[in-house]
């Protein structure tokens, strides 16, 4: 299977969850693969232009949703950008204890799935 380019959107406070996701991909004996295209460092004032270009070049976006998301302006902008550009998104719960927290407007129409390798790999394979 061809590798997919996936942008991983997360609140900076949840960087370790992004690291876990990448580790899960690397350690899981799976037939799928994807390239992590997330922003690992904040950019200068032109970051939105750079970020939009990066998102547009991806096959999809995985959103790690936690209680930090509602205050993560950068993550909310990334999500809005992906939706505006028609990029498929998969939202997953960063923590099961966050289920039921209020969603920001950017995610009001998005189903948030449990973080399981089956949910992630089935979505990536469907891109």
Protein backbone atom coordinates (compact mmCIF):
# COMPACT_ATOMS: atom_id res chain seq x y z
CA UNK A 1 0.00 0.00 0.00
CA UNK A 2 1.21 3.47 -0.86
CA UNK A 3 2.17 5.61 2.12
CA UNK A 4 -0.36 8.32 2.94
CA UNK A 5 0.56 11.85 3.90
CA UNK A 6 -1.26 12.60 7.15
CA UNK A 7 -1.23 15.89 9.03
CA UNK A 8 -1.54 15.30 12.77
CA UNK A 9 -3.31 18.17 14.54
CA UNK A 10 -2.86 18.49 18.29
CA UNK A 11 -2.65 21.12 21.03
CA UNK A 12 0.96 21.79 21.94
CA UNK A 13 0.15 20.68 25.52
CA UNK A 14 -0.71 17.28 24.00
CA UNK A 15 2.53 16.80 22.07
CA UNK A 16 3.19 13.53 23.90
CA UNK A 17 -0.09 12.14 22.49
CA UNK A 18 1.15 12.93 18.96
CA UNK A 19 4.39 11.14 19.86
CA UNK A 20 2.36 8.14 21.09
CA UNK A 21 0.39 8.09 17.82
CA UNK A 22 3.59 8.06 15.77
CA UNK A 23 5.06 5.42 18.07
CA UNK A 24 1.93 3.30 17.72
CA UNK A 25 2.25 3.49 13.95
CA UNK A 26 5.92 2.52 14.13
CA UNK A 27 5.46 -0.30 16.64
CA UNK A 28 2.21 -1.75 15.36
CA UNK A 29 2.64 -4.57 12.87
CA UNK A 30 0.30 -3.06 10.36
CA UNK A 31 0.12 -3.04 6.59
CA UNK A 32 -0.56 0.70 6.60
CA UNK A 33 1.92 3.49 6.73
CA UNK A 34 1.65 7.25 6.78
CA UNK A 35 3.98 10.17 6.82
CA UNK A 36 3.54 12.53 9.75
CA UNK A 37 3.23 16.06 8.38
CA UNK A 38 2.40 17.81 11.66
CA UNK A 39 3.90 21.12 12.68
CA UNK A 40 6.50 20.29 15.27
CA UNK A 41 7.65 23.84 16.00
CA UNK A 42 5.74 27.12 15.85
CA UNK A 43 6.52 29.11 12.72
CA UNK A 44 6.99 32.84 12.33
CA UNK A 45 4.24 35.20 11.18
CA UNK A 46 3.87 33.35 7.88
CA UNK A 47 3.09 30.05 9.62
CA UNK A 48 -0.51 30.00 8.38
CA UNK A 49 0.62 30.17 4.75
CA UNK A 50 3.20 27.43 5.34
CA UNK A 51 0.74 25.35 7.32
CA UNK A 52 -2.02 25.65 4.69
CA UNK A 53 0.41 24.46 2.01
CA UNK A 54 1.41 21.51 4.16
CA UNK A 55 -2.22 20.59 4.92
CA UNK A 56 -3.24 20.89 1.26
CA UNK A 57 -0.47 18.44 0.36
CA UNK A 58 -1.84 15.77 2.69
CA UNK A 59 -4.27 12.93 2.05
CA UNK A 60 -5.96 13.50 5.42
CA UNK A 61 -5.71 14.92 8.93
CA UNK A 62 -5.86 13.08 12.24
CA UNK A 63 -7.13 15.38 14.99
CA UNK A 64 -6.19 14.47 18.55
CA UNK A 65 -9.06 15.98 20.55
CA UNK A 66 -8.61 16.76 24.24
CA UNK A 67 -9.83 19.37 26.69
CA UNK A 68 -6.84 21.47 25.54
CA UNK A 69 -8.19 21.75 21.99
CA UNK A 70 -10.74 24.48 22.75
CA UNK A 71 -7.93 26.89 23.75
CA UNK A 72 -5.41 25.78 21.11
CA UNK A 73 -5.75 28.56 18.53
CA UNK A 74 -3.20 26.93 16.22
CA UNK A 75 -4.92 23.55 16.29
CA UNK A 76 -8.34 25.11 15.74
CA UNK A 77 -6.97 27.01 12.76
CA UNK A 78 -5.46 23.78 11.34
CA UNK A 79 -8.81 22.00 11.67
CA UNK A 80 -10.69 24.86 10.00
CA UNK A 81 -8.08 24.95 7.23
CA UNK A 82 -8.43 21.21 6.54
CA UNK A 83 -12.22 21.47 6.45
CA UNK A 84 -12.07 24.54 4.17
CA UNK A 85 -9.68 22.70 1.83
CA UNK A 86 -11.84 19.55 1.74
CA UNK A 87 -9.16 17.41 3.39
CA UNK A 88 -10.66 14.29 5.04
CA UNK A 89 -10.37 14.35 8.85
CA UNK A 90 -10.42 11.71 11.55
CA UNK A 91 -10.95 13.02 15.08
CA UNK A 92 -9.90 10.74 17.92
CA UNK A 93 -10.24 11.15 21.67
CA UNK A 94 -6.84 11.89 23.19
CA UNK A 95 -8.07 10.66 26.57
CA UNK A 96 -11.15 8.56 27.26
CA UNK A 97 -11.77 10.75 30.32
CA UNK A 98 -12.40 13.72 27.98
CA UNK A 99 -15.44 12.10 26.36
CA UNK A 100 -18.41 14.39 26.74
CA UNK A 101 -16.48 17.66 26.99
CA UNK A 102 -17.86 20.49 24.90
CA UNK A 103 -16.59 20.77 21.36
CA UNK A 104 -15.33 23.88 19.66
CA UNK A 105 -17.34 25.06 16.65
CA UNK A 106 -14.71 23.64 14.31
CA UNK A 107 -15.64 20.11 15.46
CA UNK A 108 -19.39 20.45 16.00
CA UNK A 109 -20.23 18.28 12.94
CA UNK A 110 -17.33 15.85 13.30
CA UNK A 111 -17.68 12.39 14.80
CA UNK A 112 -14.95 11.80 17.37
CA UNK A 113 -13.88 8.16 17.49
CA UNK A 114 -12.10 6.12 20.11
CA UNK A 115 -8.33 5.97 19.72
CA UNK A 116 -7.94 2.40 18.48
CA UNK A 117 -5.54 1.16 15.86
CA UNK A 118 -8.49 -0.37 13.97
CA UNK A 119 -10.25 3.02 13.74
CA UNK A 120 -7.06 4.73 12.60
CA UNK A 121 -5.88 2.09 10.14
CA UNK A 122 -9.34 1.58 8.59
CA UNK A 123 -9.63 5.33 8.04
CA UNK A 124 -6.14 5.64 6.52
CA UNK A 125 -6.74 2.62 4.26
CA UNK A 126 -9.97 4.25 3.07
CA UNK A 127 -8.23 7.42 1.88
